[in-house]
Every structure is written in C-alpha cells, then in structure tokens.
Amino acid sequence: MAAEAAGGKYRSTVSKSKDPSGLLISVIRTLSTSDDVEDRENEKGRLEEAYEKCDRDLDELIVQHYTELTTAIRTYQSITERITNSRNKIKQVRLLSSCLAMVTFPYRFGAVTVVPNGP
C-alpha cells in the first residue's frame, strides 16, 4: 500500500511536468515497486495510450509539415550524394598522385635498383 501511495503521488507530479522521460520513469518505478498484476496492467494501459497519442500527434505534424519535410529530405539526399561524389574524386586523385609519384620517383618505392658504375 505504501508503494502504491508513493507511486501515485510520484505519477501525478510527473504527468504535470513537460519532461518526456517522466512516463518512462513512472513505468519503471511502478513495475519495480509493484507485485500486483492489476497495477502492472494499469501501467501497461497508460503506456499504450501515451504511445497511441504520440503516434497520432506525429502523424498530424507530418501532415502539417509535409512540404518542409520532403524538401529537407531531398536536400539531405542531394548533399549526401555530392559528399559521396567528392570523396570518390578525392580517392581517385590520391591514387593518381601515388601513381605519378611512383613514375616520377621510382627509386623511392624500390621499383628501380641503382647499380654503381663499374671500374
């Protein structure tokens, strides 16, 4: 009973706050302090309701901001593609630079053995 009273008191203060982790903390506290199946089922119901509300709110926000979201996603994809292309070009330049260095200075890479002139 004492755990139930403390849990109830804690839940009412958490539900009034804007802290998004409040529901999770409440669930953890209820599940860890309660041996009663009914309390657990009540907590499960509250959690499911909160999840459904969050899902509805998210759907509504997506509908309201659909144009902005699609623009942001397209911009992100374009930027990502440009970055990938730039990285590939940098790799090609490094490879060509290494090849040029090996052709220009082969003795540095052990490709050419310098033999001293005879007597």
PDB file of N, CA and C in Angstrom:
ATOM      1  N   MET A   1       0.812  -1.194   0.000  1.00  0.00           N
ATOM      2  CA  MET A   1       0.000   0.000   0.000  1.00  0.00           C
ATOM      3  C   MET A   1       0.859   1.263   0.000  1.00  0.00           C
ATOM      4  N   ALA A   2       1.961   1.238   0.773  1.00  0.00           N
ATOM      5  CA  ALA A   2       2.814   2.416   0.849  1.00  0.00           C
ATOM      6  C   ALA A   2       3.467   2.693  -0.504  1.00  0.00           C
ATOM      7  N   ALA A   3       3.870   1.615  -1.181  1.00  0.00           N
ATOM      8  CA  ALA A   3       4.474   1.792  -2.503  1.00  0.00           C
ATOM      9  C   ALA A   3       3.443   2.344  -3.484  1.00  0.00           C
ATOM     10  N   GLU A   4       2.201   1.878  -3.340  1.00  0.00           N
ATOM     11  CA  GLU A   4       1.141   2.346  -4.213  1.00  0.00           C
ATOM     12  C   GLU A   4       0.875   3.835  -3.991  1.00  0.00           C
ATOM     13  N   ALA A   5       0.864   4.266  -2.746  1.00  0.00           N
ATOM     14  CA  ALA A   5       0.639   5.679  -2.433  1.00  0.00           C
ATOM     15  C   ALA A   5       1.796   6.530  -2.944  1.00  0.00           C
ATOM     16  N   ALA A   6       3.011   6.054  -2.753  1.00  0.00           N
ATOM     17  CA  ALA A   6       4.168   6.813  -3.223  1.00  0.00           C
ATOM     18  C   ALA A   6       4.190   6.866  -4.744  1.00  0.00           C
ATOM     19  N   GLY A   7       3.843   5.729  -5.364  1.00  0.00           N
ATOM     20  CA  GLY A   7       3.806   5.690  -6.824  1.00  0.00           C
ATOM     21  C   GLY A   7       2.753   6.624  -7.369  1.00  0.00           C
ATOM     22  N   GLY A   8       1.581   6.652  -6.736  1.00  0.00           N
ATOM     23  CA  GLY A   8       0.509   7.532  -7.174  1.00  0.00           C
ATOM     24  C   GLY A   8       0.897   8.988  -7.042  1.00  0.00           C
ATOM     25  N   LYS A   9       1.521   9.319  -5.946  1.00  0.00           N
ATOM     26  CA  LYS A   9       1.969  10.690  -5.716  1.00  0.00           C
ATOM     27  C   LYS A   9       3.017  11.076  -6.760  1.00  0.00           C
ATOM     28  N   TYR A  10       3.937  10.167  -7.004  1.00  0.00           N
ATOM     29  CA  TYR A  10       5.001  10.445  -7.982  1.00  0.00           C
ATOM     30  C   TYR A  10       4.411  10.614  -9.379  1.00  0.00           C
ATOM     31  N   ARG A  11       3.467   9.751  -9.762  1.00  0.00           N
ATOM     32  CA  ARG A  11       2.868   9.824 -11.086  1.00  0.00           C
ATOM     33  C   ARG A  11       2.162  11.150 -11.325  1.00  0.00           C
ATOM     34  N   SER A  12       1.464  11.649 -10.320  1.00  0.00           N
ATOM     35  CA  SER A  12       0.728  12.892 -10.517  1.00  0.00           C
ATOM     36  C   SER A  12       1.679  14.064 -10.731  1.00  0.00           C
ATOM     37  N   THR A  13       2.815  14.071 -10.062  1.00  0.00           N
ATOM     38  CA  THR A  13       3.759  15.168 -10.270  1.00  0.00           C
ATOM     39  C   THR A  13       4.468  15.027 -11.603  1.00  0.00           C
ATOM     40  N   VAL A  14       4.716  13.804 -12.043  1.00  0.00           N
ATOM     41  CA  VAL A  14       5.398  13.612 -13.325  1.00  0.00           C
ATOM     42  C   VAL A  14       4.477  13.976 -14.474  1.00  0.00           C
ATOM     43  N   SER A  15       3.202  13.580 -14.400  1.00  0.00           N
ATOM     44  CA  SER A  15       2.280  13.842 -15.501  1.00  0.00           C
ATOM     45  C   SER A  15       2.065  15.339 -15.718  1.00  0.00           C
ATOM     46  N   LYS A  16       2.234  16.139 -14.694  1.00  0.00           N
ATOM     47  CA  LYS A  16       2.072  17.584 -14.837  1.00  0.00           C
ATOM     48  C   LYS A  16       3.278  18.236 -15.480  1.00  0.00           C
ATOM     49  N   SER A  17       4.431  17.588 -15.410  1.00  0.00           N
ATOM     50  CA  SER A  17       5.645  18.186 -15.969  1.00  0.00           C
ATOM     51  C   SER A  17       5.705  17.957 -17.472  1.00  0.00           C
ATOM     52  N   LYS A  18       6.592  18.661 -18.139  1.00  0.00           N
ATOM     53  CA  LYS A  18       6.775  18.516 -19.579  1.00  0.00           C
ATOM     54  C   LYS A  18       7.953  17.591 -19.887  1.00  0.00           C
ATOM     55  N   ASP A  19       8.486  16.938 -18.897  1.00  0.00           N
ATOM     56  CA  ASP A  19       9.640  16.061 -19.080  1.00  0.00           C
ATOM     57  C   ASP A  19       9.224  14.818 -19.858  1.00  0.00           C
ATOM     58  N   PRO A  20       9.806  14.590 -21.071  1.00  0.00           N
ATOM     59  CA  PRO A  20       9.395  13.435 -21.871  1.00  0.00           C
ATOM     60  C   PRO A  20       9.813  12.107 -21.257  1.00  0.00           C
ATOM     61  N   SER A  21      10.769  12.115 -20.376  1.00  0.00           N
ATOM     62  CA  SER A  21      11.191  10.865 -19.750  1.00  0.00           C
ATOM     63  C   SER A  21      10.351  10.542 -18.525  1.00  0.00           C
ATOM     64  N   GLY A  22       9.429  11.413 -18.169  1.00  0.00           N
ATOM     65  CA  GLY A  22       8.599  11.212 -16.978  1.00  0.00           C
ATOM     66  C   GLY A  22       7.767   9.949 -17.042  1.00  0.00           C
ATOM     67  N   LEU A  23       7.205   9.660 -18.198  1.00  0.00           N
ATOM     68  CA  LEU A  23       6.386   8.454 -18.334  1.00  0.00           C
ATOM     69  C   LEU A  23       7.239   7.207 -18.162  1.00  0.00           C
ATOM     70  N   LEU A  24       8.408   7.206 -18.757  1.00  0.00           N
ATOM     71  CA  LEU A  24       9.301   6.052 -18.623  1.00  0.00           C
ATOM     72  C   LEU A  24       9.722   5.855 -17.169  1.00  0.00           C
ATOM     73  N   ILE A  25      10.046   6.924 -16.492  1.00  0.00           N
ATOM     74  CA  ILE A  25      10.428   6.834 -15.077  1.00  0.00           C
ATOM     75  C   ILE A  25       9.262   6.298 -14.258  1.00  0.00           C
ATOM     76  N   SER A  26       8.067   6.768 -14.563  1.00  0.00           N
ATOM     77  CA  SER A  26       6.880   6.295 -13.858  1.00  0.00           C
ATOM     78  C   SER A  26       6.665   4.809 -14.077  1.00  0.00           C
ATOM     79  N   VAL A  27       6.818   4.353 -15.310  1.00  0.00           N
ATOM     80  CA  VAL A  27       6.653   2.933 -15.621  1.00  0.00           C
ATOM     81  C   VAL A  27       7.673   2.098 -14.862  1.00  0.00           C
ATOM     82  N   ILE A  28       8.914   2.518 -14.890  1.00  0.00           N
ATOM     83  CA  ILE A  28       9.973   1.776 -14.192  1.00  0.00           C
ATOM     84  C   ILE A  28       9.681   1.719 -12.702  1.00  0.00           C
ATOM     85  N   ARG A  29       9.309   2.838 -12.127  1.00  0.00           N
ATOM     86  CA  ARG A  29       9.020   2.880 -10.686  1.00  0.00           C
ATOM     87  C   ARG A  29       7.846   1.971 -10.337  1.00  0.00           C
ATOM     88  N   THR A  30       6.775   2.036 -11.130  1.00  0.00           N
ATOM     89  CA  THR A  30       5.609   1.208 -10.854  1.00  0.00           C
ATOM     90  C   THR A  30       5.945  -0.272 -10.972  1.00  0.00           C
ATOM     91  N   LEU A  31       6.644  -0.637 -12.019  1.00  0.00           N
ATOM     92  CA  LEU A  31       6.970  -2.044 -12.221  1.00  0.00           C
ATOM     93  C   LEU A  31       7.947  -2.568 -11.172  1.00  0.00           C
ATOM     94  N   SER A  32       8.844  -1.702 -10.705  1.00  0.00           N
ATOM     95  CA  SER A  32       9.822  -2.174  -9.721  1.00  0.00           C
ATOM     96  C   SER A  32       9.257  -2.209  -8.303  1.00  0.00           C
ATOM     97  N   THR A  33       8.223  -1.418  -8.020  1.00  0.00           N
ATOM     98  CA  THR A  33       7.683  -1.387  -6.656  1.00  0.00           C
ATOM     99  C   THR A  33       6.400  -2.173  -6.494  1.00  0.00           C
ATOM    100  N   SER A  34       5.824  -2.630  -7.593  1.00  0.00           N
ATOM    101  CA  SER A  34       4.532  -3.298  -7.505  1.00  0.00           C
ATOM    102  C   SER A  34       4.635  -4.783  -7.804  1.00  0.00           C
ATOM    103  N   ASP A  35       4.007  -5.571  -6.937  1.00  0.00           N
ATOM    104  CA  ASP A  35       3.896  -7.004  -7.176  1.00  0.00           C
ATOM    105  C   ASP A  35       2.507  -7.339  -7.699  1.00  0.00           C
ATOM    106  N   ASP A  36       1.646  -6.355  -7.735  1.00  0.00           N
ATOM    107  CA  ASP A  36       0.258  -6.557  -8.117  1.00  0.00           C
ATOM    108  C   ASP A  36       0.127  -6.549  -9.646  1.00  0.00           C
ATOM    109  N   VAL A  37      -0.510  -7.567 -10.183  1.00  0.00           N
ATOM    110  CA  VAL A  37      -0.707  -7.687 -11.623  1.00  0.00           C
ATOM    111  C   VAL A  37      -1.617  -6.566 -12.137  1.00  0.00           C
ATOM    112  N   GLU A  38      -2.587  -6.175 -11.336  1.00  0.00           N
ATOM    113  CA  GLU A  38      -3.511  -5.124 -11.748  1.00  0.00           C
ATOM    114  C   GLU A  38      -2.782  -3.792 -11.958  1.00  0.00           C
ATOM    115  N   ASP A  39      -1.858  -3.462 -11.041  1.00  0.00           N
ATOM    116  CA  ASP A  39      -1.061  -2.236 -11.206  1.00  0.00           C
ATOM    117  C   ASP A  39      -0.246  -2.287 -12.497  1.00  0.00           C
ATOM    118  N   ARG A  40       0.318  -3.431 -12.757  1.00  0.00           N
ATOM    119  CA  ARG A  40       1.121  -3.579 -13.975  1.00  0.00           C
ATOM    120  C   ARG A  40       0.251  -3.439 -15.225  1.00  0.00           C
ATOM    121  N   GLU A  41      -0.930  -4.007 -15.193  1.00  0.00           N
ATOM    122  CA  GLU A  41      -1.842  -3.892 -16.331  1.00  0.00           C
ATOM    123  C   GLU A  41      -2.287  -2.442 -16.523  1.00  0.00           C
ATOM    124  N   ASN A  42      -2.561  -1.747 -15.408  1.00  0.00           N
ATOM    125  CA  ASN A  42      -2.924  -0.327 -15.497  1.00  0.00           C
ATOM    126  C   ASN A  42      -1.791   0.480 -16.116  1.00  0.00           C
ATOM    127  N   GLU A  43      -0.579   0.196 -15.683  1.00  0.00           N
ATOM    128  CA  GLU A  43       0.593   0.909 -16.210  1.00  0.00           C
ATOM    129  C   GLU A  43       0.780   0.593 -17.694  1.00  0.00           C
ATOM    130  N   LYS A  44       0.548  -0.654 -18.064  1.00  0.00           N
ATOM    131  CA  LYS A  44       0.642  -1.057 -19.471  1.00  0.00           C
ATOM    132  C   LYS A  44      -0.388  -0.290 -20.299  1.00  0.00           C
ATOM    133  N   GLY A  45      -1.609  -0.173 -19.790  1.00  0.00           N
ATOM    134  CA  GLY A  45      -2.658   0.583 -20.485  1.00  0.00           C
ATOM    135  C   GLY A  45      -2.294   2.041 -20.648  1.00  0.00           C
ATOM    136  N   ARG A  46      -1.777   2.647 -19.598  1.00  0.00           N
ATOM    137  CA  ARG A  46      -1.348   4.060 -19.671  1.00  0.00           C
ATOM    138  C   ARG A  46      -0.254   4.235 -20.707  1.00  0.00           C
ATOM    139  N   LEU A  47       0.679   3.307 -20.723  1.00  0.00           N
ATOM    140  CA  LEU A  47       1.792   3.377 -21.666  1.00  0.00           C
ATOM    141  C   LEU A  47       1.287   3.230 -23.103  1.00  0.00           C
ATOM    142  N   GLU A  48       0.372   2.296 -23.332  1.00  0.00           N
ATOM    143  CA  GLU A  48      -0.190   2.116 -24.669  1.00  0.00           C
ATOM    144  C   GLU A  48      -0.962   3.347 -25.121  1.00  0.00           C
ATOM    145  N   GLU A  49      -1.732   3.958 -24.223  1.00  0.00           N
ATOM    146  CA  GLU A  49      -2.463   5.173 -24.556  1.00  0.00           C
ATOM    147  C   GLU A  49      -1.507   6.307 -24.915  1.00  0.00           C
ATOM    148  N   ALA A  50      -0.456   6.457 -24.128  1.00  0.00           N
ATOM    149  CA  ALA A  50       0.520   7.517 -24.396  1.00  0.00           C
ATOM    150  C   ALA A  50       1.215   7.280 -25.740  1.00  0.00           C
ATOM    151  N   TYR A  51       1.516   6.032 -26.041  1.00  0.00           N
ATOM    152  CA  TYR A  51       2.148   5.702 -27.316  1.00  0.00           C
ATOM    153  C   TYR A  51       1.215   6.044 -28.471  1.00  0.00           C
ATOM    154  N   GLU A  52      -0.048   5.668 -28.353  1.00  0.00           N
ATOM    155  CA  GLU A  52      -1.022   5.957 -29.410  1.00  0.00           C
ATOM    156  C   GLU A  52      -1.203   7.454 -29.602  1.00  0.00           C
ATOM    157  N   LYS A  53      -1.228   8.208 -28.499  1.00  0.00           N
ATOM    158  CA  LYS A  53      -1.356   9.666 -28.599  1.00  0.00           C
ATOM    159  C   LYS A  53      -0.134  10.251 -29.294  1.00  0.00           C
ATOM    160  N   CYS A  54       1.019   9.778 -28.918  1.00  0.00           N
ATOM    161  CA  CYS A  54       2.264  10.251 -29.546  1.00  0.00           C
ATOM    162  C   CYS A  54       2.250   9.945 -31.042  1.00  0.00           C
ATOM    163  N   ASP A  55       1.785   8.768 -31.411  1.00  0.00           N
ATOM    164  CA  ASP A  55       1.708   8.360 -32.806  1.00  0.00           C
ATOM    165  C   ASP A  55       0.743   9.255 -33.583  1.00  0.00           C
ATOM    166  N   ARG A  56      -0.409   9.560 -32.985  1.00  0.00           N
ATOM    167  CA  ARG A  56      -1.376  10.455 -33.631  1.00  0.00           C
ATOM    168  C   ARG A  56      -0.794  11.857 -33.793  1.00  0.00           C
ATOM    169  N   ASP A  57      -0.142  12.345 -32.746  1.00  0.00           N
ATOM    170  CA  ASP A  57       0.470  13.680 -32.807  1.00  0.00           C
ATOM    171  C   ASP A  57       1.541  13.749 -33.897  1.00  0.00           C
ATOM    172  N   LEU A  58       2.335  12.705 -33.981  1.00  0.00           N
ATOM    173  CA  LEU A  58       3.383  12.668 -35.002  1.00  0.00           C
ATOM    174  C   LEU A  58       2.778  12.650 -36.398  1.00  0.00           C
ATOM    175  N   ASP A  59       1.749  11.843 -36.596  1.00  0.00           N
ATOM    176  CA  ASP A  59       1.071  11.812 -37.899  1.00  0.00           C
ATOM    177  C   ASP A  59       0.517  13.190 -38.266  1.00  0.00           C
ATOM    178  N   GLU A  60      -0.070  13.861 -37.298  1.00  0.00           N
ATOM    179  CA  GLU A  60      -0.627  15.196 -37.544  1.00  0.00           C
ATOM    180  C   GLU A  60       0.474  16.191 -37.918  1.00  0.00           C
ATOM    181  N   LEU A  61       1.592  16.134 -37.213  1.00  0.00           N
ATOM    182  CA  LEU A  61       2.711  17.030 -37.524  1.00  0.00           C
ATOM    183  C   LEU A  61       3.288  16.747 -38.904  1.00  0.00           C
ATOM    184  N   ILE A  62       3.341  15.483 -39.289  1.00  0.00           N
ATOM    185  CA  ILE A  62       3.837  15.129 -40.623  1.00  0.00           C
ATOM    186  C   ILE A  62       2.924  15.710 -41.694  1.00  0.00           C
ATOM    187  N   VAL A  63       1.619  15.604 -41.494  1.00  0.00           N
ATOM    188  CA  VAL A  63       0.667  16.156 -42.459  1.00  0.00           C
ATOM    189  C   VAL A  63       0.819  17.672 -42.542  1.00  0.00           C
ATOM    190  N   GLN A  64       0.943  18.323 -41.392  1.00  0.00           N
ATOM    191  CA  GLN A  64       1.063  19.785 -41.358  1.00  0.00           C
ATOM    192  C   GLN A  64       2.338  20.277 -42.034  1.00  0.00           C
ATOM    193  N   HIS A  65       3.430  19.529 -41.892  1.00  0.00           N
ATOM    194  CA  HIS A  65       4.735  19.991 -42.375  1.00  0.00           C
ATOM    195  C   HIS A  65       5.281  19.115 -43.503  1.00  0.00           C
ATOM    196  N   TYR A  66       4.381  18.520 -44.276  1.00  0.00           N
ATOM    197  CA  TYR A  66       4.798  17.584 -45.322  1.00  0.00           C
ATOM    198  C   TYR A  66       5.746  18.235 -46.336  1.00  0.00           C
ATOM    199  N   THR A  67       5.417  19.437 -46.782  1.00  0.00           N
ATOM    200  CA  THR A  67       6.246  20.119 -47.774  1.00  0.00           C
ATOM    201  C   THR A  67       7.649  20.386 -47.239  1.00  0.00           C
ATOM    202  N   GLU A  68       7.723  20.871 -46.012  1.00  0.00           N
ATOM    203  CA  GLU A  68       9.028  21.148 -45.419  1.00  0.00           C
ATOM    204  C   GLU A  68       9.839  19.866 -45.232  1.00  0.00           C
ATOM    205  N   LEU A  69       9.157  18.807 -44.820  1.00  0.00           N
ATOM    206  CA  LEU A  69       9.847  17.525 -44.618  1.00  0.00           C
ATOM    207  C   LEU A  69      10.396  16.979 -45.929  1.00  0.00           C
ATOM    208  N   THR A  70       9.590  17.001 -46.979  1.00  0.00           N
ATOM    209  CA  THR A  70      10.066  16.468 -48.258  1.00  0.00           C
ATOM    210  C   THR A  70      11.203  17.321 -48.813  1.00  0.00           C
ATOM    211  N   THR A  71      11.111  18.626 -48.648  1.00  0.00           N
ATOM    212  CA  THR A  71      12.203  19.499 -49.090  1.00  0.00           C
ATOM    213  C   THR A  71      13.484  19.193 -48.319  1.00  0.00           C
ATOM    214  N   ALA A  72      13.361  19.025 -47.012  1.00  0.00           N
ATOM    215  CA  ALA A  72      14.539  18.726 -46.196  1.00  0.00           C
ATOM    216  C   ALA A  72      15.145  17.374 -46.572  1.00  0.00           C
ATOM    217  N   ILE A  73      14.309  16.383 -46.820  1.00  0.00           N
ATOM    218  CA  ILE A  73      14.814  15.056 -47.191  1.00  0.00           C
ATOM    219  C   ILE A  73      15.513  15.110 -48.541  1.00  0.00           C
ATOM    220  N   ARG A  74      14.915  15.796 -49.497  1.00  0.00           N
ATOM    221  CA  ARG A  74      15.547  15.925 -50.824  1.00  0.00           C
ATOM    222  C   ARG A  74      16.869  16.678 -50.733  1.00  0.00           C
ATOM    223  N   THR A  75      16.900  17.722 -49.945  1.00  0.00           N
ATOM    224  CA  THR A  75      18.149  18.480 -49.764  1.00  0.00           C
ATOM    225  C   THR A  75      19.217  17.610 -49.123  1.00  0.00           C
ATOM    226  N   TYR A  76      18.835  16.867 -48.112  1.00  0.00           N
ATOM    227  CA  TYR A  76      19.775  15.960 -47.442  1.00  0.00           C
ATOM    228  C   TYR A  76      20.319  14.925 -48.425  1.00  0.00           C
ATOM    229  N   GLN A  77      19.435  14.341 -49.246  1.00  0.00           N
ATOM    230  CA  GLN A  77      19.877  13.347 -50.225  1.00  0.00           C
ATOM    231  C   GLN A  77      20.838  13.959 -51.233  1.00  0.00           C
ATOM    232  N   SER A  78      20.548  15.162 -51.670  1.00  0.00           N
ATOM    233  CA  SER A  78      21.410  15.837 -52.636  1.00  0.00           C
ATOM    234  C   SER A  78      22.792  16.118 -52.041  1.00  0.00           C
ATOM    235  N   ILE A  79      22.791  16.612 -50.823  1.00  0.00           N
ATOM    236  CA  ILE A  79      24.066  16.908 -50.156  1.00  0.00           C
ATOM    237  C   ILE A  79      24.858  15.628 -49.923  1.00  0.00           C
ATOM    238  N   THR A  80      24.183  14.571 -49.494  1.00  0.00           N
ATOM    239  CA  THR A  80      24.848  13.291 -49.267  1.00  0.00           C
ATOM    240  C   THR A  80      25.465  12.769 -50.560  1.00  0.00           C
ATOM    241  N   GLU A  81      24.741  12.882 -51.654  1.00  0.00           N
ATOM    242  CA  GLU A  81      25.252  12.433 -52.952  1.00  0.00           C
ATOM    243  C   GLU A  81      26.477  13.242 -53.359  1.00  0.00           C
ATOM    244  N   ARG A  82      26.423  14.551 -53.162  1.00  0.00           N
ATOM    245  CA  ARG A  82      27.567  15.400 -53.517  1.00  0.00           C
ATOM    246  C   ARG A  82      28.785  15.075 -52.653  1.00  0.00           C
ATOM    247  N   ILE A  83      28.568  14.806 -51.383  1.00  0.00           N
ATOM    248  CA  ILE A  83      29.685  14.445 -50.495  1.00  0.00           C
ATOM    249  C   ILE A  83      30.292  13.122 -50.938  1.00  0.00           C
ATOM    250  N   THR A  84      29.449  12.143 -51.267  1.00  0.00           N
ATOM    251  CA  THR A  84      29.949  10.838 -51.722  1.00  0.00           C
ATOM    252  C   THR A  84      30.753  10.994 -53.006  1.00  0.00           C
ATOM    253  N   ASN A  85      30.241  11.768 -53.949  1.00  0.00           N
ATOM    254  CA  ASN A  85      30.974  12.002 -55.196  1.00  0.00           C
ATOM    255  C   ASN A  85      32.306  12.686 -54.935  1.00  0.00           C
ATOM    256  N   SER A  86      32.317  13.653 -54.030  1.00  0.00           N
ATOM    257  CA  SER A  86      33.562  14.351 -53.705  1.00  0.00           C
ATOM    258  C   SER A  86      34.569  13.409 -53.058  1.00  0.00           C
ATOM    259  N   ARG A  87      34.106  12.540 -52.170  1.00  0.00           N
ATOM    260  CA  ARG A  87      35.012  11.577 -51.544  1.00  0.00           C
ATOM    261  C   ARG A  87      35.605  10.628 -52.580  1.00  0.00           C
ATOM    262  N   ASN A  88      34.782  10.191 -53.527  1.00  0.00           N
ATOM    263  CA  ASN A  88      35.286   9.311 -54.580  1.00  0.00           C
ATOM    264  C   ASN A  88      36.328  10.019 -55.446  1.00  0.00           C
ATOM    265  N   LYS A  89      36.095  11.281 -55.752  1.00  0.00           N
ATOM    266  CA  LYS A  89      37.065  12.048 -56.525  1.00  0.00           C
ATOM    267  C   LYS A  89      38.370  12.216 -55.759  1.00  0.00           C
ATOM    268  N   ILE A  90      38.278  12.443 -54.457  1.00  0.00           N
ATOM    269  CA  ILE A  90      39.489  12.570 -53.628  1.00  0.00           C
ATOM    270  C   ILE A  90      40.270  11.267 -53.649  1.00  0.00           C
ATOM    271  N   LYS A  91      39.585  10.132 -53.563  1.00  0.00           N
ATOM    272  CA  LYS A  91      40.261   8.831 -53.631  1.00  0.00           C
ATOM    273  C   LYS A  91      40.977   8.668 -54.965  1.00  0.00           C
ATOM    274  N   GLN A  92      40.310   9.074 -56.060  1.00  0.00           N
ATOM    275  CA  GLN A  92      40.925   8.969 -57.380  1.00  0.00           C
ATOM    276  C   GLN A  92      42.156   9.864 -57.492  1.00  0.00           C
ATOM    277  N   VAL A  93      42.067  11.071 -56.963  1.00  0.00           N
ATOM    278  CA  VAL A  93      43.201  11.990 -57.006  1.00  0.00           C
ATOM    279  C   VAL A  93      44.365  11.425 -56.197  1.00  0.00           C
ATOM    280  N   ARG A  94      44.093  10.846 -55.037  1.00  0.00           N
ATOM    281  CA  ARG A  94      45.164  10.251 -54.227  1.00  0.00           C
ATOM    282  C   ARG A  94      45.822   9.093 -54.963  1.00  0.00           C
ATOM    283  N   LEU A  95      45.006   8.271 -55.622  1.00  0.00           N
ATOM    284  CA  LEU A  95      45.548   7.143 -56.377  1.00  0.00           C
ATOM    285  C   LEU A  95      46.403   7.636 -57.529  1.00  0.00           C
ATOM    286  N   LEU A  96      45.907   8.619 -58.269  1.00  0.00           N
ATOM    287  CA  LEU A  96      46.689   9.181 -59.370  1.00  0.00           C
ATOM    288  C   LEU A  96      47.959   9.849 -58.869  1.00  0.00           C
ATOM    289  N   SER A  97      47.871  10.493 -57.737  1.00  0.00           N
ATOM    290  CA  SER A  97      49.045  11.137 -57.148  1.00  0.00           C
ATOM    291  C   SER A  97      50.098  10.097 -56.775  1.00  0.00           C
ATOM    292  N   SER A  98      49.660   8.982 -56.209  1.00  0.00           N
ATOM    293  CA  SER A  98      50.591   7.901 -55.862  1.00  0.00           C
ATOM    294  C   SER A  98      51.222   7.323 -57.115  1.00  0.00           C
ATOM    295  N   CYS A  99      50.423   7.111 -58.150  1.00  0.00           N
ATOM    296  CA  CYS A  99      50.961   6.590 -59.410  1.00  0.00           C
ATOM    297  C   CYS A  99      51.967   7.551 -60.014  1.00  0.00           C
ATOM    298  N   LEU A 100      51.660   8.820 -59.994  1.00  0.00           N
ATOM    299  CA  LEU A 100      52.576   9.827 -60.527  1.00  0.00           C
ATOM    300  C   LEU A 100      53.882   9.843 -59.746  1.00  0.00           C
ATOM    301  N   ALA A 101      53.778   9.741 -58.431  1.00  0.00           N
ATOM    302  CA  ALA A 101      54.984   9.732 -57.603  1.00  0.00           C
ATOM    303  C   ALA A 101      55.840   8.501 -57.916  1.00  0.00           C
ATOM    304  N   MET A 102      55.180   7.357 -58.154  1.00  0.00           N
ATOM    305  CA  MET A 102      55.939   6.136 -58.453  1.00  0.00           C
ATOM    306  C   MET A 102      56.608   6.219 -59.823  1.00  0.00           C
ATOM    307  N   VAL A 103      55.967   6.869 -60.775  1.00  0.00           N
ATOM    308  CA  VAL A 103      56.550   7.015 -62.107  1.00  0.00           C
ATOM    309  C   VAL A 103      57.657   8.061 -62.078  1.00  0.00           C
ATOM    310  N   THR A 104      57.449   9.130 -61.375  1.00  0.00           N
ATOM    311  CA  THR A 104      58.409  10.233 -61.345  1.00  0.00           C
ATOM    312  C   THR A 104      59.620   9.901 -60.486  1.00  0.00           C
ATOM    313  N   PHE A 105      59.403   9.265 -59.361  1.00  0.00           N
ATOM    314  CA  PHE A 105      60.486   8.953 -58.432  1.00  0.00           C
ATOM    315  C   PHE A 105      60.477   7.456 -58.104  1.00  0.00           C
ATOM    316  N   PRO A 106      60.795   6.592 -59.063  1.00  0.00           N
ATOM    317  CA  PRO A 106      60.670   5.149 -58.825  1.00  0.00           C
ATOM    318  C   PRO A 106      61.647   4.617 -57.782  1.00  0.00           C
ATOM    319  N   TYR A 107      62.794   5.248 -57.627  1.00  0.00           N
ATOM    320  CA  TYR A 107      63.782   4.757 -56.666  1.00  0.00           C
ATOM    321  C   TYR A 107      63.302   4.895 -55.224  1.00  0.00           C
ATOM    322  N   ARG A 108      62.379   5.786 -54.959  1.00  0.00           N
ATOM    323  CA  ARG A 108      61.833   5.953 -53.606  1.00  0.00           C
ATOM    324  C   ARG A 108      60.961   4.760 -53.199  1.00  0.00           C
ATOM    325  N   PHE A 109      60.411   4.074 -54.160  1.00  0.00           N
ATOM    326  CA  PHE A 109      59.473   2.999 -53.876  1.00  0.00           C
ATOM    327  C   PHE A 109      60.086   1.624 -54.095  1.00  0.00           C
ATOM    328  N   GLY A 110      61.408   1.573 -54.361  1.00  0.00           N
ATOM    329  CA  GLY A 110      62.083   0.301 -54.538  1.00  0.00           C
ATOM    330  C   GLY A 110      61.829  -0.331 -55.883  1.00  0.00           C
ATOM    331  N   ALA A 111      61.259   0.426 -56.827  1.00  0.00           N
ATOM    332  CA  ALA A 111      60.971  -0.126 -58.155  1.00  0.00           C
ATOM    333  C   ALA A 111      62.222  -0.174 -59.021  1.00  0.00           C
ATOM    334  N   VAL A 112      63.175   0.675 -58.731  1.00  0.00           N
ATOM    335  CA  VAL A 112      64.399   0.738 -59.513  1.00  0.00           C
ATOM    336  C   VAL A 112      65.581   0.530 -58.595  1.00  0.00           C
ATOM    337  N   THR A 113      66.486  -0.332 -59.016  1.00  0.00           N
ATOM    338  CA  THR A 113      67.694  -0.551 -58.236  1.00  0.00           C
ATOM    339  C   THR A 113      68.819   0.230 -58.879  1.00  0.00           C
ATOM    340  N   VAL A 114      69.462   1.033 -58.076  1.00  0.00           N
ATOM    341  CA  VAL A 114      70.577   1.835 -58.592  1.00  0.00           C
ATOM    342  C   VAL A 114      71.834   0.985 -58.501  1.00  0.00           C
ATOM    343  N   VAL A 115      72.459   0.757 -59.670  1.00  0.00           N
ATOM    344  CA  VAL A 115      73.681  -0.043 -59.721  1.00  0.00           C
ATOM    345  C   VAL A 115      74.853   0.912 -59.997  1.00  0.00           C
ATOM    346  N   PRO A 116      75.874   0.887 -59.125  1.00  0.00           N
ATOM    347  CA  PRO A 116      77.010   1.787 -59.352  1.00  0.00           C
ATOM    348  C   PRO A 116      77.763   1.395 -60.624  1.00  0.00           C
ATOM    349  N   ASN A 117      78.370   2.372 -61.244  1.00  0.00           N
ATOM    350  CA  ASN A 117      79.168   2.125 -62.451  1.00  0.00           C
ATOM    351  C   ASN A 117      80.348   1.235 -62.137  1.00  0.00           C
ATOM    352  N   GLY A 118      80.711   0.443 -63.103  1.00  0.00           N
ATOM    353  CA  GLY A 118      81.823  -0.467 -62.918  1.00  0.00           C
ATOM    354  C   GLY A 118      83.174   0.266 -62.873  1.00  0.00           C
ATOM    355  N   PRO A 119      84.325  -0.488 -62.722  1.00  0.00           N
ATOM    356  CA  PRO A 119      85.656   0.151 -62.563  1.00  0.00           C
ATOM    357  C   PRO A 119      86.129   0.865 -63.733  1.00  0.00           C
TER     358      PRO A 119
END
